C-alpha atoms as a PDB file:
ATOM      1  CA  UNK A   1     -66.144  53.467 -49.198  1.00  0.00           C
ATOM      2  CA  UNK A   2     -67.328  50.559 -47.063  1.00  0.00           C
ATOM      3  CA  UNK A   3     -70.598  50.596 -45.119  1.00  0.00           C
ATOM      4  CA  UNK A   4     -68.785  51.151 -41.819  1.00  0.00           C
ATOM      5  CA  UNK A   5     -66.694  53.997 -43.271  1.00  0.00           C
ATOM      6  CA  UNK A   6     -69.801  55.650 -44.715  1.00  0.00           C
ATOM      7  CA  UNK A   7     -71.632  55.283 -41.391  1.00  0.00           C
ATOM      8  CA  UNK A   8     -68.710  56.716 -39.392  1.00  0.00           C
ATOM      9  CA  UNK A   9     -68.336  59.594 -41.844  1.00  0.00           C
ATOM     10  CA  UNK A  10     -72.024  60.521 -41.442  1.00  0.00           C
ATOM     11  CA  UNK A  11     -71.911  60.219 -37.637  1.00  0.00           C
ATOM     12  CA  UNK A  12     -68.770  62.357 -37.339  1.00  0.00           C
ATOM     13  CA  UNK A  13     -70.089  64.891 -39.861  1.00  0.00           C
ATOM     14  CA  UNK A  14     -73.480  65.256 -38.181  1.00  0.00           C
ATOM     15  CA  UNK A  15     -72.047  65.513 -34.672  1.00  0.00           C
ATOM     16  CA  UNK A  16     -69.381  68.017 -35.715  1.00  0.00           C
ATOM     17  CA  UNK A  17     -72.047  70.319 -37.156  1.00  0.00           C
ATOM     18  CA  UNK A  18     -73.052  70.945 -33.554  1.00  0.00           C
ATOM     19  CA  UNK A  19     -69.409  71.497 -32.482  1.00  0.00           C
ATOM     20  CA  UNK A  20     -69.237  68.127 -30.759  1.00  0.00           C
ATOM     21  CA  UNK A  21     -66.627  65.467 -31.476  1.00  0.00           C
ATOM     22  CA  UNK A  22     -67.869  61.919 -30.867  1.00  0.00           C
ATOM     23  CA  UNK A  23     -65.908  59.789 -28.445  1.00  0.00           C
ATOM     24  CA  UNK A  24     -64.785  56.255 -29.245  1.00  0.00           C
ATOM     25  CA  UNK A  25     -67.460  54.956 -26.833  1.00  0.00           C
ATOM     26  CA  UNK A  26     -70.185  56.884 -28.668  1.00  0.00           C
ATOM     27  CA  UNK A  27     -68.966  55.532 -32.013  1.00  0.00           C
ATOM     28  CA  UNK A  28     -68.913  51.991 -30.606  1.00  0.00           C
ATOM     29  CA  UNK A  29     -72.472  52.366 -29.366  1.00  0.00           C
ATOM     30  CA  UNK A  30     -73.802  53.940 -32.581  1.00  0.00           C
ATOM     31  CA  UNK A  31     -72.106  51.481 -34.968  1.00  0.00           C
ATOM     32  CA  UNK A  32     -72.103  48.317 -32.879  1.00  0.00           C
ATOM     33  CA  UNK A  33     -68.464  47.690 -33.856  1.00  0.00           C
ATOM     34  CA  UNK A  34     -65.347  47.287 -31.734  1.00  0.00           C
ATOM     35  CA  UNK A  35     -62.674  49.944 -31.245  1.00  0.00           C
ATOM     36  CA  UNK A  36     -60.168  48.266 -33.568  1.00  0.00           C
ATOM     37  CA  UNK A  37     -62.630  48.261 -36.493  1.00  0.00           C
ATOM     38  CA  UNK A  38     -63.578  51.884 -35.890  1.00  0.00           C
ATOM     39  CA  UNK A  39     -59.966  53.055 -35.730  1.00  0.00           C
ATOM     40  CA  UNK A  40     -59.134  51.171 -38.930  1.00  0.00           C
ATOM     41  CA  UNK A  41     -62.114  52.657 -40.788  1.00  0.00           C
ATOM     42  CA  UNK A  42     -61.312  56.214 -39.630  1.00  0.00           C
ATOM     43  CA  UNK A  43     -57.666  55.701 -40.627  1.00  0.00           C
ATOM     44  CA  UNK A  44     -58.818  54.580 -44.095  1.00  0.00           C
ATOM     45  CA  UNK A  45     -60.974  57.697 -44.433  1.00  0.00           C
ATOM     46  CA  UNK A  46     -58.034  59.872 -43.438  1.00  0.00           C
ATOM     47  CA  UNK A  47     -55.605  58.233 -45.903  1.00  0.00           C
ATOM     48  CA  UNK A  48     -58.097  58.795 -48.741  1.00  0.00           C
ATOM     49  CA  UNK A  49     -58.436  62.452 -47.646  1.00  0.00           C
ATOM     50  CA  UNK A  50     -62.170  62.091 -47.023  1.00  0.00           C
ATOM     51  CA  UNK A  51     -61.633  63.131 -43.410  1.00  0.00           C
ATOM     52  CA  UNK A  52     -58.911  65.168 -41.689  1.00  0.00           C
ATOM     53  CA  UNK A  53     -58.242  66.302 -38.131  1.00  0.00           C
ATOM     54  CA  UNK A  54     -57.349  69.967 -37.663  1.00  0.00           C
ATOM     55  CA  UNK A  55     -55.005  69.997 -34.663  1.00  0.00           C
ATOM     56  CA  UNK A  56     -55.147  73.750 -34.110  1.00  0.00           C
ATOM     57  CA  UNK A  57     -58.939  74.054 -34.113  1.00  0.00           C
ATOM     58  CA  UNK A  58     -59.441  70.566 -32.667  1.00  0.00           C
ATOM     59  CA  UNK A  59     -62.163  69.722 -35.157  1.00  0.00           C
ATOM     60  CA  UNK A  60     -62.769  67.497 -38.173  1.00  0.00           C
ATOM     61  CA  UNK A  61     -62.463  68.725 -41.749  1.00  0.00           C
ATOM     62  CA  UNK A  62     -64.413  67.052 -44.533  1.00  0.00           C
ATOM     63  CA  UNK A  63     -63.851  66.660 -48.236  1.00  0.00           C
END
């Protein structure tokens, strides 16, 4: 897991504990990265099954 992936995982995990999904703008501000990098890192986490989006509950699931 790269540094950016680990950072995004922790941000999403911590924010979802309070029933709040971070927006792309919040992730950009907290990581200092651009949208393309963030989307790529989240996609990598999802393909490795570290992170999953539950469409029915509209929340993240973690490994």
